[in-house]
Amino acid sequence: MAPLQNVAIAGASGNIGKVVVKELLASGFHVTALQRPSSTATFPEGITVKKVIHDSFNSWKTALEGQDAVISFLTPPATEYQNLAADAAVAANVKRFIPSEWGMNTTLLDNTIFAKLLSDKTTTQNHLAKLSKDNDFFSWTGISTGLWFDWGLENLSLGFDKKTHTVEIADSGNEKFQTTNLSTITKVVARVLRSPGQTADRYITIASFNISQREIPALVEEISGDKWTVKPYNVNEAQGTAEQALSIGDIESEFYPLLHGRLLTDGANLALKPGQNFAKDVLGFQEEDPTDAINAWLGYGQYCVE
């Protein structure tokens, strides 16, 4: 299967989209940003920008003509338009669709609150599988990354507050979890596009490493010499509060307690097991050292999170 050179990206200005755009440009791909008509986001030189009305098949199809691949970084509620985008991609003879995953493994959501919250994503997986079955030229790849490690340190989603030297730990904090640095995610995306045959019609899981919450402050203290205060909290209690907020439509403010309850609680058992890290086992990536990202976060290294 030939490399996919012309790449259209939905959500190209978001937290992960913008770093993937930068990597693909540097790697020689032709990148088109698909942008809502009302968006004022700007992009680096060399990016083609096309406006797309999310609920219009014709708008998607016109924007996707001449593209080899579509990558979606759309976030809820915009993920509901991915099936329409995929239909338009097939009509435009696009070869590969990479849907918006970029987090927890959504193939393992049975009987969890996320089965409802992320139902658009699982619906899209099923839709893409059917499109691939019905169209020989078309395939898809889903990519689960776990939590974003470098970004999560900087943006509090891992519970670390650099200003106060405090960290909130879910339950015992000893549960290992899947986590990937943004720079690794971007390189995996580029590899998928260069060697599409390896990942055709597959849902893959990747990680820079597995780590526990307790291990991170120990490394931070070792590197910085500063003492950090660890504040354990009960995940079940936090989830109860979060689910109450969710019942009245307040998803954003309580998303992280729900996320931690799924990924970090004792017994979650969602760390990648041997043979499950596609980046390492198939694509040849090396397992990373978490101290590289920690050093950069503390201001001691050159590792960069954007």
C-alpha atoms as a PDB file:
ATOM      1  CA  MET A   1       0.000   0.000   0.000  1.00  0.00           C
ATOM      2  CA  ALA A   2       1.499   3.335  -1.104  1.00  0.00           C
ATOM      3  CA  PRO A   3       2.239   6.122   1.417  1.00  0.00           C
ATOM      4  CA  LEU A   4      -0.545   8.639   1.986  1.00  0.00           C
ATOM      5  CA  GLN A   5       0.809  12.066   1.081  1.00  0.00           C
ATOM      6  CA  ASN A   6      -2.141  14.481   0.985  1.00  0.00           C
ATOM      7  CA  VAL A   7      -3.657  14.724   4.455  1.00  0.00           C
ATOM      8  CA  ALA A   8      -6.752  16.651   5.554  1.00  0.00           C
ATOM      9  CA  ILE A   9      -7.099  17.383   9.267  1.00  0.00           C
ATOM     10  CA  ALA A  10     -10.306  18.264  11.109  1.00  0.00           C
ATOM     11  CA  GLY A  11      -9.592  19.962  14.424  1.00  0.00           C
ATOM     12  CA  ALA A  12      -6.139  21.065  13.292  1.00  0.00           C
ATOM     13  CA  SER A  13      -5.945  23.983  15.741  1.00  0.00           C
ATOM     14  CA  GLY A  14      -6.680  21.965  18.895  1.00  0.00           C
ATOM     15  CA  ASN A  15      -4.290  20.771  21.604  1.00  0.00           C
ATOM     16  CA  ILE A  16      -3.159  17.704  19.703  1.00  0.00           C
ATOM     17  CA  GLY A  17      -4.082  18.757  16.179  1.00  0.00           C
ATOM     18  CA  LYS A  18      -1.623  21.644  16.077  1.00  0.00           C
ATOM     19  CA  VAL A  19       1.366  19.499  17.070  1.00  0.00           C
ATOM     20  CA  VAL A  20       0.438  16.821  14.534  1.00  0.00           C
ATOM     21  CA  VAL A  21       0.211  19.519  11.858  1.00  0.00           C
ATOM     22  CA  LYS A  22       3.713  20.700  12.766  1.00  0.00           C
ATOM     23  CA  GLU A  23       5.133  17.156  12.585  1.00  0.00           C
ATOM     24  CA  LEU A  24       3.483  16.348   9.266  1.00  0.00           C
ATOM     25  CA  LEU A  25       4.692  19.578   7.685  1.00  0.00           C
ATOM     26  CA  ALA A  26       8.235  18.892   8.875  1.00  0.00           C
ATOM     27  CA  SER A  27       7.974  15.357   7.461  1.00  0.00           C
ATOM     28  CA  GLY A  28       7.022  16.535   3.987  1.00  0.00           C
ATOM     29  CA  PHE A  29       3.294  15.795   3.934  1.00  0.00           C
ATOM     30  CA  HIS A  30       0.849  18.086   2.141  1.00  0.00           C
ATOM     31  CA  VAL A  31      -1.529  19.233   4.882  1.00  0.00           C
ATOM     32  CA  THR A  32      -5.000  20.742   4.548  1.00  0.00           C
ATOM     33  CA  ALA A  33      -6.765  22.139   7.618  1.00  0.00           C
ATOM     34  CA  LEU A  34     -10.537  21.676   7.593  1.00  0.00           C
ATOM     35  CA  GLN A  35     -12.014  24.644   9.406  1.00  0.00           C
ATOM     36  CA  ARG A  36     -15.524  25.690  10.409  1.00  0.00           C
ATOM     37  CA  PRO A  37     -16.662  28.844   8.564  1.00  0.00           C
ATOM     38  CA  SER A  38     -16.813  30.773  11.851  1.00  0.00           C
ATOM     39  CA  SER A  39     -13.325  29.766  13.008  1.00  0.00           C
ATOM     40  CA  THR A  40     -10.603  32.413  13.219  1.00  0.00           C
ATOM     41  CA  ALA A  41      -7.744  29.993  13.920  1.00  0.00           C
ATOM     42  CA  THR A  42      -4.540  30.583  11.981  1.00  0.00           C
ATOM     43  CA  PHE A  43      -2.057  28.018  10.709  1.00  0.00           C
ATOM     44  CA  PRO A  44       1.625  27.873   9.761  1.00  0.00           C
ATOM     45  CA  GLU A  45       2.806  28.749   6.289  1.00  0.00           C
ATOM     46  CA  GLY A  46       2.399  25.829   3.917  1.00  0.00           C
ATOM     47  CA  ILE A  47      -1.024  24.763   5.209  1.00  0.00           C
ATOM     48  CA  THR A  48      -3.999  24.823   2.854  1.00  0.00           C
ATOM     49  CA  VAL A  49      -7.181  25.891   4.655  1.00  0.00           C
ATOM     50  CA  LYS A  50     -10.634  24.791   3.525  1.00  0.00           C
ATOM     51  CA  LYS A  51     -13.907  25.745   5.183  1.00  0.00           C
ATOM     52  CA  VAL A  52     -16.292  22.909   6.037  1.00  0.00           C
ATOM     53  CA  ILE A  53     -19.889  23.029   7.241  1.00  0.00           C
ATOM     54  CA  HIS A  54     -19.993  20.046   9.585  1.00  0.00           C
ATOM     55  CA  ASP A  55     -23.557  18.962   8.840  1.00  0.00           C
ATOM     56  CA  SER A  56     -23.188  19.225   5.043  1.00  0.00           C
ATOM     57  CA  PHE A  57     -22.172  16.142   3.054  1.00  0.00           C
ATOM     58  CA  ASN A  58     -21.392  18.235  -0.021  1.00  0.00           C
ATOM     59  CA  SER A  59     -19.213  20.591   2.009  1.00  0.00           C
ATOM     60  CA  TRP A  60     -17.155  17.687   3.350  1.00  0.00           C
ATOM     61  CA  LYS A  61     -16.929  16.013  -0.068  1.00  0.00           C
ATOM     62  CA  THR A  62     -15.734  19.171  -1.811  1.00  0.00           C
ATOM     63  CA  ALA A  63     -13.096  19.787   0.860  1.00  0.00           C
ATOM     64  CA  LEU A  64     -11.838  16.188   0.714  1.00  0.00           C
ATOM     65  CA  GLU A  65     -11.407  15.845  -3.031  1.00  0.00           C
ATOM     66  CA  GLY A  66      -7.790  15.061  -3.868  1.00  0.00           C
ATOM     67  CA  GLN A  67      -6.938  13.938  -0.323  1.00  0.00           C
ATOM     68  CA  ASP A  68      -5.353  10.582   0.520  1.00  0.00           C
ATOM     69  CA  ALA A  69      -6.234  10.582   4.216  1.00  0.00           C
ATOM     70  CA  VAL A  70      -8.429  12.326   6.764  1.00  0.00           C
ATOM     71  CA  ILE A  71      -7.420  12.708  10.401  1.00  0.00           C
ATOM     72  CA  SER A  72     -10.063  13.812  12.889  1.00  0.00           C
ATOM     73  CA  PHE A  73      -9.247  15.607  16.120  1.00  0.00           C
ATOM     74  CA  LEU A  74     -12.842  16.718  16.568  1.00  0.00           C
ATOM     75  CA  THR A  75     -14.107  16.742  20.144  1.00  0.00           C
ATOM     76  CA  PRO A  76     -17.660  16.192  21.425  1.00  0.00           C
ATOM     77  CA  PRO A  77     -20.217  17.284  20.373  1.00  0.00           C
ATOM     78  CA  ALA A  78     -18.605  17.726  16.927  1.00  0.00           C
ATOM     79  CA  THR A  79     -17.731  14.009  16.862  1.00  0.00           C
ATOM     80  CA  GLU A  80     -21.335  13.340  15.855  1.00  0.00           C
ATOM     81  CA  TYR A  81     -20.401  14.550  12.356  1.00  0.00           C
ATOM     82  CA  GLN A  82     -17.633  12.002  11.820  1.00  0.00           C
ATOM     83  CA  ASN A  83     -19.897   9.473  10.108  1.00  0.00           C
ATOM     84  CA  LEU A  84     -20.975  12.115   7.599  1.00  0.00           C
ATOM     85  CA  ALA A  85     -17.336  13.064   7.066  1.00  0.00           C
ATOM     86  CA  ALA A  86     -16.459   9.400   6.496  1.00  0.00           C
ATOM     87  CA  ASP A  87     -19.257   8.992   3.942  1.00  0.00           C
ATOM     88  CA  ALA A  88     -17.982  12.077   2.126  1.00  0.00           C
ATOM     89  CA  ALA A  89     -14.425  10.736   2.293  1.00  0.00           C
ATOM     90  CA  VAL A  90     -15.495   7.557   0.507  1.00  0.00           C
ATOM     91  CA  ALA A  91     -17.361   9.597  -2.106  1.00  0.00           C
ATOM     92  CA  ALA A  92     -14.184  11.658  -2.644  1.00  0.00           C
ATOM     93  CA  ASN A  93     -12.052   8.487  -2.980  1.00  0.00           C
ATOM     94  CA  VAL A  94     -10.059   9.141   0.193  1.00  0.00           C
ATOM     95  CA  LYS A  95      -8.044   6.049   1.111  1.00  0.00           C
ATOM     96  CA  ARG A  96      -7.703   6.284   4.913  1.00  0.00           C
ATOM     97  CA  PHE A  97      -9.790   7.752   7.742  1.00  0.00           C
ATOM     98  CA  ILE A  98      -8.262   8.164  11.211  1.00  0.00           C
ATOM     99  CA  PRO A  99     -11.125   9.042  13.589  1.00  0.00           C
ATOM    100  CA  SER A 100     -10.971  11.068  16.770  1.00  0.00           C
ATOM    101  CA  GLU A 101      -9.782   8.686  19.493  1.00  0.00           C
ATOM    102  CA  TRP A 102      -6.512   9.934  21.075  1.00  0.00           C
ATOM    103  CA  GLY A 103      -7.264   8.808  24.618  1.00  0.00           C
ATOM    104  CA  MET A 104      -8.706   5.837  26.463  1.00  0.00           C
ATOM    105  CA  ASN A 105      -9.358   2.596  24.628  1.00  0.00           C
ATOM    106  CA  THR A 106     -12.954   3.046  23.506  1.00  0.00           C
ATOM    107  CA  THR A 107     -13.288  -0.624  22.572  1.00  0.00           C
ATOM    108  CA  LEU A 108     -13.385  -1.385  26.328  1.00  0.00           C
ATOM    109  CA  LEU A 109     -16.252   0.846  27.493  1.00  0.00           C
ATOM    110  CA  ASP A 110     -18.929  -1.751  28.252  1.00  0.00           C
ATOM    111  CA  ASN A 111     -21.011  -0.885  31.341  1.00  0.00           C
ATOM    112  CA  THR A 112     -19.121   2.358  32.058  1.00  0.00           C
ATOM    113  CA  ILE A 113     -20.380   5.936  32.025  1.00  0.00           C
ATOM    114  CA  PHE A 114     -18.059   6.575  29.089  1.00  0.00           C
ATOM    115  CA  ALA A 115     -20.046   4.142  26.948  1.00  0.00           C
ATOM    116  CA  LYS A 116     -22.666   6.904  26.806  1.00  0.00           C
ATOM    117  CA  LEU A 117     -20.334   9.911  26.837  1.00  0.00           C
ATOM    118  CA  LEU A 118     -18.214   8.579  23.971  1.00  0.00           C
ATOM    119  CA  SER A 119     -20.920   6.740  22.048  1.00  0.00           C
ATOM    120  CA  ASP A 120     -20.237   8.875  18.954  1.00  0.00           C
ATOM    121  CA  LYS A 121     -16.731   7.416  18.799  1.00  0.00           C
ATOM    122  CA  THR A 122     -17.799   3.788  19.031  1.00  0.00           C
ATOM    123  CA  THR A 123     -20.567   4.396  16.492  1.00  0.00           C
ATOM    124  CA  THR A 124     -17.972   5.825  14.116  1.00  0.00           C
ATOM    125  CA  GLN A 125     -15.724   2.774  14.541  1.00  0.00           C
ATOM    126  CA  ASN A 126     -18.586   0.527  13.457  1.00  0.00           C
ATOM    127  CA  HIS A 127     -19.465   2.833  10.576  1.00  0.00           C
ATOM    128  CA  LEU A 128     -15.874   2.926   9.321  1.00  0.00           C
ATOM    129  CA  ALA A 129     -15.637  -0.861   9.468  1.00  0.00           C
ATOM    130  CA  LYS A 130     -18.731  -1.149   7.277  1.00  0.00           C
ATOM    131  CA  LEU A 131     -17.441   1.454   4.811  1.00  0.00           C
ATOM    132  CA  SER A 132     -14.158  -0.421   4.553  1.00  0.00           C
ATOM    133  CA  LYS A 133     -15.935  -3.712   3.942  1.00  0.00           C
ATOM    134  CA  ASP A 134     -18.030  -2.154   1.184  1.00  0.00           C
ATOM    135  CA  ASN A 135     -15.218  -0.181  -0.500  1.00  0.00           C
ATOM    136  CA  ASP A 136     -11.956  -1.952  -1.354  1.00  0.00           C
ATOM    137  CA  PHE A 137      -9.924   1.271  -1.636  1.00  0.00           C
ATOM    138  CA  PHE A 138     -10.933   2.582   1.795  1.00  0.00           C
ATOM    139  CA  SER A 139      -9.568   1.712   5.250  1.00  0.00           C
ATOM    140  CA  TRP A 140      -9.381   3.193   8.721  1.00  0.00           C
ATOM    141  CA  THR A 141      -7.141   3.267  11.798  1.00  0.00           C
ATOM    142  CA  GLY A 142      -8.143   4.047  15.388  1.00  0.00           C
ATOM    143  CA  ILE A 143      -5.379   5.123  17.789  1.00  0.00           C
ATOM    144  CA  SER A 144      -5.690   4.901  21.584  1.00  0.00           C
ATOM    145  CA  THR A 145      -2.969   6.838  23.425  1.00  0.00           C
ATOM    146  CA  GLY A 146      -4.115   6.786  27.029  1.00  0.00           C
ATOM    147  CA  LEU A 147      -3.517  10.002  28.958  1.00  0.00           C
ATOM    148  CA  TRP A 148      -1.172  12.563  27.386  1.00  0.00           C
ATOM    149  CA  PHE A 149       1.812  12.595  29.726  1.00  0.00           C
ATOM    150  CA  ASP A 150       3.776  15.744  28.869  1.00  0.00           C
ATOM    151  CA  TRP A 151       0.649  17.781  28.152  1.00  0.00           C
ATOM    152  CA  GLY A 152      -1.040  16.429  31.276  1.00  0.00           C
ATOM    153  CA  LEU A 153       1.792  17.563  33.546  1.00  0.00           C
ATOM    154  CA  GLU A 154       1.606  21.078  32.152  1.00  0.00           C
ATOM    155  CA  ASN A 155      -2.184  21.361  32.087  1.00  0.00           C
ATOM    156  CA  LEU A 156      -3.141  19.796  35.453  1.00  0.00           C
ATOM    157  CA  SER A 157      -4.979  16.801  33.979  1.00  0.00           C
ATOM    158  CA  LEU A 158      -2.618  14.427  35.817  1.00  0.00           C
ATOM    159  CA  GLY A 159      -3.309  16.244  39.086  1.00  0.00           C
ATOM    160  CA  PHE A 160       0.034  18.065  39.411  1.00  0.00           C
ATOM    161  CA  ASP A 161       0.144  21.744  40.412  1.00  0.00           C
ATOM    162  CA  LYS A 162       3.650  23.115  39.956  1.00  0.00           C
ATOM    163  CA  LYS A 163       2.813  26.414  41.681  1.00  0.00           C
ATOM    164  CA  THR A 164       1.755  24.816  44.965  1.00  0.00           C
ATOM    165  CA  HIS A 165       3.880  21.639  44.727  1.00  0.00           C
ATOM    166  CA  THR A 166       0.816  19.502  45.325  1.00  0.00           C
ATOM    167  CA  VAL A 167      -0.537  16.482  43.508  1.00  0.00           C
ATOM    168  CA  GLU A 168      -3.951  14.852  43.806  1.00  0.00           C
ATOM    169  CA  ILE A 169      -3.721  11.059  43.737  1.00  0.00           C
ATOM    170  CA  ALA A 170      -6.627   8.779  42.859  1.00  0.00           C
ATOM    171  CA  ASP A 171      -7.124   6.131  45.562  1.00  0.00           C
ATOM    172  CA  SER A 172      -3.742   4.582  46.451  1.00  0.00           C
ATOM    173  CA  GLY A 173      -2.034   6.035  43.373  1.00  0.00           C
ATOM    174  CA  ASN A 174      -0.372   2.687  42.671  1.00  0.00           C
ATOM    175  CA  GLU A 175      -2.417   1.746  39.599  1.00  0.00           C
ATOM    176  CA  LYS A 176      -0.310   1.712  36.432  1.00  0.00           C
ATOM    177  CA  PHE A 177      -1.863   3.492  33.456  1.00  0.00           C
ATOM    178  CA  GLN A 178      -1.251   3.911  29.717  1.00  0.00           C
ATOM    179  CA  THR A 179       0.219   7.296  28.812  1.00  0.00           C
ATOM    180  CA  THR A 180       1.860   8.820  25.739  1.00  0.00           C
ATOM    181  CA  ASN A 181       3.822  12.006  25.096  1.00  0.00           C
ATOM    182  CA  LEU A 182       2.380  14.260  22.397  1.00  0.00           C
ATOM    183  CA  SER A 183       5.624  14.125  20.428  1.00  0.00           C
ATOM    184  CA  THR A 184       5.315  10.346  20.225  1.00  0.00           C
ATOM    185  CA  ILE A 185       1.698  10.558  19.097  1.00  0.00           C
ATOM    186  CA  THR A 186       2.698  12.853  16.232  1.00  0.00           C
ATOM    187  CA  LYS A 187       5.439  10.486  15.098  1.00  0.00           C
ATOM    188  CA  VAL A 188       3.094   7.488  15.229  1.00  0.00           C
ATOM    189  CA  VAL A 189       0.600   9.368  13.044  1.00  0.00           C
ATOM    190  CA  ALA A 190       3.337  10.116  10.506  1.00  0.00           C
ATOM    191  CA  ARG A 191       4.400   6.449  10.516  1.00  0.00           C
ATOM    192  CA  VAL A 192       0.815   5.276   9.971  1.00  0.00           C
ATOM    193  CA  LEU A 193       0.576   7.538   6.920  1.00  0.00           C
ATOM    194  CA  ARG A 194       3.929   6.406   5.522  1.00  0.00           C
ATOM    195  CA  SER A 195       3.221   2.685   6.008  1.00  0.00           C
ATOM    196  CA  PRO A 196      -0.572   2.428   5.850  1.00  0.00           C
ATOM    197  CA  GLY A 197      -0.608  -1.308   5.200  1.00  0.00           C
ATOM    198  CA  GLN A 198       0.537  -2.031   8.769  1.00  0.00           C
ATOM    199  CA  THR A 199      -2.491  -0.363  10.306  1.00  0.00           C
ATOM    200  CA  ALA A 200      -5.306  -0.828   7.780  1.00  0.00           C
ATOM    201  CA  ASP A 201      -8.652  -1.532   9.451  1.00  0.00           C
ATOM    202  CA  ARG A 202      -7.134  -1.765  12.917  1.00  0.00           C
ATOM    203  CA  TYR A 203      -7.653  -0.204  16.306  1.00  0.00           C
ATOM    204  CA  ILE A 204      -4.189   0.193  17.821  1.00  0.00           C
ATOM    205  CA  THR A 205      -3.044   1.045  21.340  1.00  0.00           C
ATOM    206  CA  ILE A 206       0.201   2.933  21.941  1.00  0.00           C
ATOM    207  CA  ALA A 207       2.126   4.290  24.936  1.00  0.00           C
ATOM    208  CA  SER A 208       5.367   6.028  25.754  1.00  0.00           C
ATOM    209  CA  PHE A 209       5.271   3.931  28.940  1.00  0.00           C
ATOM    210  CA  ASN A 210       3.035   2.684  31.739  1.00  0.00           C
ATOM    211  CA  ILE A 211       3.437   4.529  35.044  1.00  0.00           C
ATOM    212  CA  SER A 212       1.584   5.011  38.332  1.00  0.00           C
ATOM    213  CA  GLN A 213       0.623   8.332  39.897  1.00  0.00           C
ATOM    214  CA  ARG A 214       2.803   7.559  42.924  1.00  0.00           C
ATOM    215  CA  GLU A 215       5.871   7.075  40.763  1.00  0.00           C
ATOM    216  CA  ILE A 216       5.622  10.533  39.202  1.00  0.00           C
ATOM    217  CA  PRO A 217       6.018  12.716  42.342  1.00  0.00           C
ATOM    218  CA  ALA A 218       8.875  10.481  43.472  1.00  0.00           C
ATOM    219  CA  LEU A 219      10.663  11.257  40.199  1.00  0.00           C
ATOM    220  CA  VAL A 220       9.775  14.951  40.464  1.00  0.00           C
ATOM    221  CA  GLU A 221      11.246  15.149  43.972  1.00  0.00           C
ATOM    222  CA  GLU A 222      14.359  13.248  42.931  1.00  0.00           C
ATOM    223  CA  ILE A 223      14.978  15.596  39.999  1.00  0.00           C
ATOM    224  CA  SER A 224      14.070  18.906  41.629  1.00  0.00           C
ATOM    225  CA  GLY A 225      15.042  18.313  45.243  1.00  0.00           C
ATOM    226  CA  ASP A 226      11.733  19.889  46.272  1.00  0.00           C
ATOM    227  CA  LYS A 227       9.181  18.229  48.521  1.00  0.00           C
ATOM    228  CA  TRP A 228       5.708  17.710  47.072  1.00  0.00           C
ATOM    229  CA  THR A 229       2.484  17.269  49.034  1.00  0.00           C
ATOM    230  CA  VAL A 230       0.452  14.247  47.965  1.00  0.00           C
ATOM    231  CA  LYS A 231      -3.310  14.503  48.445  1.00  0.00           C
ATOM    232  CA  PRO A 232      -5.118  11.185  47.957  1.00  0.00           C
ATOM    233  CA  TYR A 233      -8.823  11.286  47.174  1.00  0.00           C
ATOM    234  CA  ASN A 234     -11.529   8.643  46.987  1.00  0.00           C
ATOM    235  CA  VAL A 235     -12.463   8.028  43.372  1.00  0.00           C
ATOM    236  CA  ASN A 236     -15.941   6.694  44.162  1.00  0.00           C
ATOM    237  CA  GLU A 237     -16.840   9.857  46.072  1.00  0.00           C
ATOM    238  CA  ALA A 238     -15.455  12.107  43.334  1.00  0.00           C
ATOM    239  CA  GLN A 239     -17.312  10.143  40.691  1.00  0.00           C
ATOM    240  CA  GLY A 240     -20.571  10.508  42.584  1.00  0.00           C
ATOM    241  CA  THR A 241     -20.194  14.287  42.510  1.00  0.00           C
ATOM    242  CA  ALA A 242     -19.186  14.200  38.853  1.00  0.00           C
ATOM    243  CA  GLU A 243     -22.151  12.074  37.859  1.00  0.00           C
ATOM    244  CA  GLN A 244     -24.518  14.499  39.610  1.00  0.00           C
ATOM    245  CA  ALA A 245     -23.011  17.364  37.609  1.00  0.00           C
ATOM    246  CA  LEU A 246     -23.282  15.284  34.462  1.00  0.00           C
ATOM    247  CA  SER A 247     -26.982  14.692  35.077  1.00  0.00           C
ATOM    248  CA  ILE A 248     -27.605  18.440  34.716  1.00  0.00           C
ATOM    249  CA  GLY A 249     -25.430  18.749  31.641  1.00  0.00           C
ATOM    250  CA  ASP A 250     -22.219  19.973  33.278  1.00  0.00           C
ATOM    251  CA  ILE A 251     -19.736  17.716  31.509  1.00  0.00           C
ATOM    252  CA  GLU A 252     -16.680  19.924  31.170  1.00  0.00           C
ATOM    253  CA  SER A 253     -16.057  20.862  34.806  1.00  0.00           C
ATOM    254  CA  GLU A 254     -16.287  17.280  36.048  1.00  0.00           C
ATOM    255  CA  PHE A 255     -14.701  15.429  33.137  1.00  0.00           C
ATOM    256  CA  TYR A 256     -11.347  14.736  34.786  1.00  0.00           C
ATOM    257  CA  PRO A 257     -12.804  13.079  37.924  1.00  0.00           C
ATOM    258  CA  LEU A 258     -14.737  10.787  35.607  1.00  0.00           C
ATOM    259  CA  LEU A 259     -11.639  10.145  33.524  1.00  0.00           C
ATOM    260  CA  HIS A 260      -9.502   9.395  36.580  1.00  0.00           C
ATOM    261  CA  GLY A 261     -12.205   7.103  37.872  1.00  0.00           C
ATOM    262  CA  ARG A 262     -11.940   5.113  34.679  1.00  0.00           C
ATOM    263  CA  LEU A 263      -8.154   5.071  34.198  1.00  0.00           C
ATOM    264  CA  LEU A 264      -6.430   5.647  37.547  1.00  0.00           C
ATOM    265  CA  THR A 265      -8.583   3.998  40.188  1.00  0.00           C
ATOM    266  CA  ASP A 266      -7.267   0.912  41.961  1.00  0.00           C
ATOM    267  CA  GLY A 267      -8.062  -2.162  39.888  1.00  0.00           C
ATOM    268  CA  ALA A 268      -8.660  -0.299  36.609  1.00  0.00           C
ATOM    269  CA  ASN A 269      -6.265  -2.734  34.906  1.00  0.00           C
ATOM    270  CA  LEU A 270      -5.913  -0.580  31.782  1.00  0.00           C
ATOM    271  CA  ALA A 271      -2.117  -0.332  31.551  1.00  0.00           C
ATOM    272  CA  LEU A 272      -0.858  -1.866  28.316  1.00  0.00           C
ATOM    273  CA  LYS A 273       0.244  -5.462  28.673  1.00  0.00           C
ATOM    274  CA  PRO A 274       3.147  -7.084  26.782  1.00  0.00           C
ATOM    275  CA  GLY A 275       2.276  -7.248  23.100  1.00  0.00           C
ATOM    276  CA  GLN A 276      -0.316  -4.451  23.283  1.00  0.00           C
ATOM    277  CA  ASN A 277       1.950  -1.448  22.584  1.00  0.00           C
ATOM    278  CA  PHE A 278       1.720  -1.190  18.806  1.00  0.00           C
ATOM    279  CA  ALA A 279       4.214   1.682  18.650  1.00  0.00           C
ATOM    280  CA  LYS A 280       6.876  -0.427  20.346  1.00  0.00           C
ATOM    281  CA  ASP A 281       5.993  -3.921  19.179  1.00  0.00           C
ATOM    282  CA  VAL A 282       5.218  -3.244  15.502  1.00  0.00           C
ATOM    283  CA  LEU A 283       6.382   0.253  14.561  1.00  0.00           C
ATOM    284  CA  GLY A 284       9.735  -0.063  16.335  1.00  0.00           C
ATOM    285  CA  PHE A 285       9.465   2.851  18.763  1.00  0.00           C
ATOM    286  CA  GLN A 286      11.565   2.640  21.928  1.00  0.00           C
ATOM    287  CA  GLU A 287       9.949   2.808  25.358  1.00  0.00           C
ATOM    288  CA  GLU A 288      10.630   6.281  26.709  1.00  0.00           C
ATOM    289  CA  ASP A 289      12.024   7.551  29.993  1.00  0.00           C
ATOM    290  CA  PRO A 290       9.430   9.657  31.854  1.00  0.00           C
ATOM    291  CA  THR A 291      12.198  11.809  33.333  1.00  0.00           C
ATOM    292  CA  ASP A 292      12.737  13.465  29.933  1.00  0.00           C
ATOM    293  CA  ALA A 293       9.277  15.038  29.964  1.00  0.00           C
ATOM    294  CA  ILE A 294       9.479  15.725  33.714  1.00  0.00           C
ATOM    295  CA  ASN A 295      12.799  17.548  33.315  1.00  0.00           C
ATOM    296  CA  ALA A 296      11.311  19.744  30.599  1.00  0.00           C
ATOM    297  CA  TRP A 297       8.193  20.435  32.659  1.00  0.00           C
ATOM    298  CA  LEU A 298      10.375  21.526  35.574  1.00  0.00           C
ATOM    299  CA  GLY A 299      12.417  23.726  33.247  1.00  0.00           C
ATOM    300  CA  TYR A 300      15.579  21.608  33.234  1.00  0.00           C
ATOM    301  CA  GLY A 301      15.422  20.181  29.705  1.00  0.00           C
ATOM    302  CA  GLN A 302      14.754  20.933  26.062  1.00  0.00           C
ATOM    303  CA  TYR A 303      11.789  18.576  25.614  1.00  0.00           C
ATOM    304  CA  CYS A 304       8.933  20.746  24.358  1.00  0.00           C
ATOM    305  CA  VAL A 305       5.175  20.603  24.901  1.00  0.00           C
ATOM    306  CA  GLU A 306       3.093  23.037  22.861  1.00  0.00           C
END
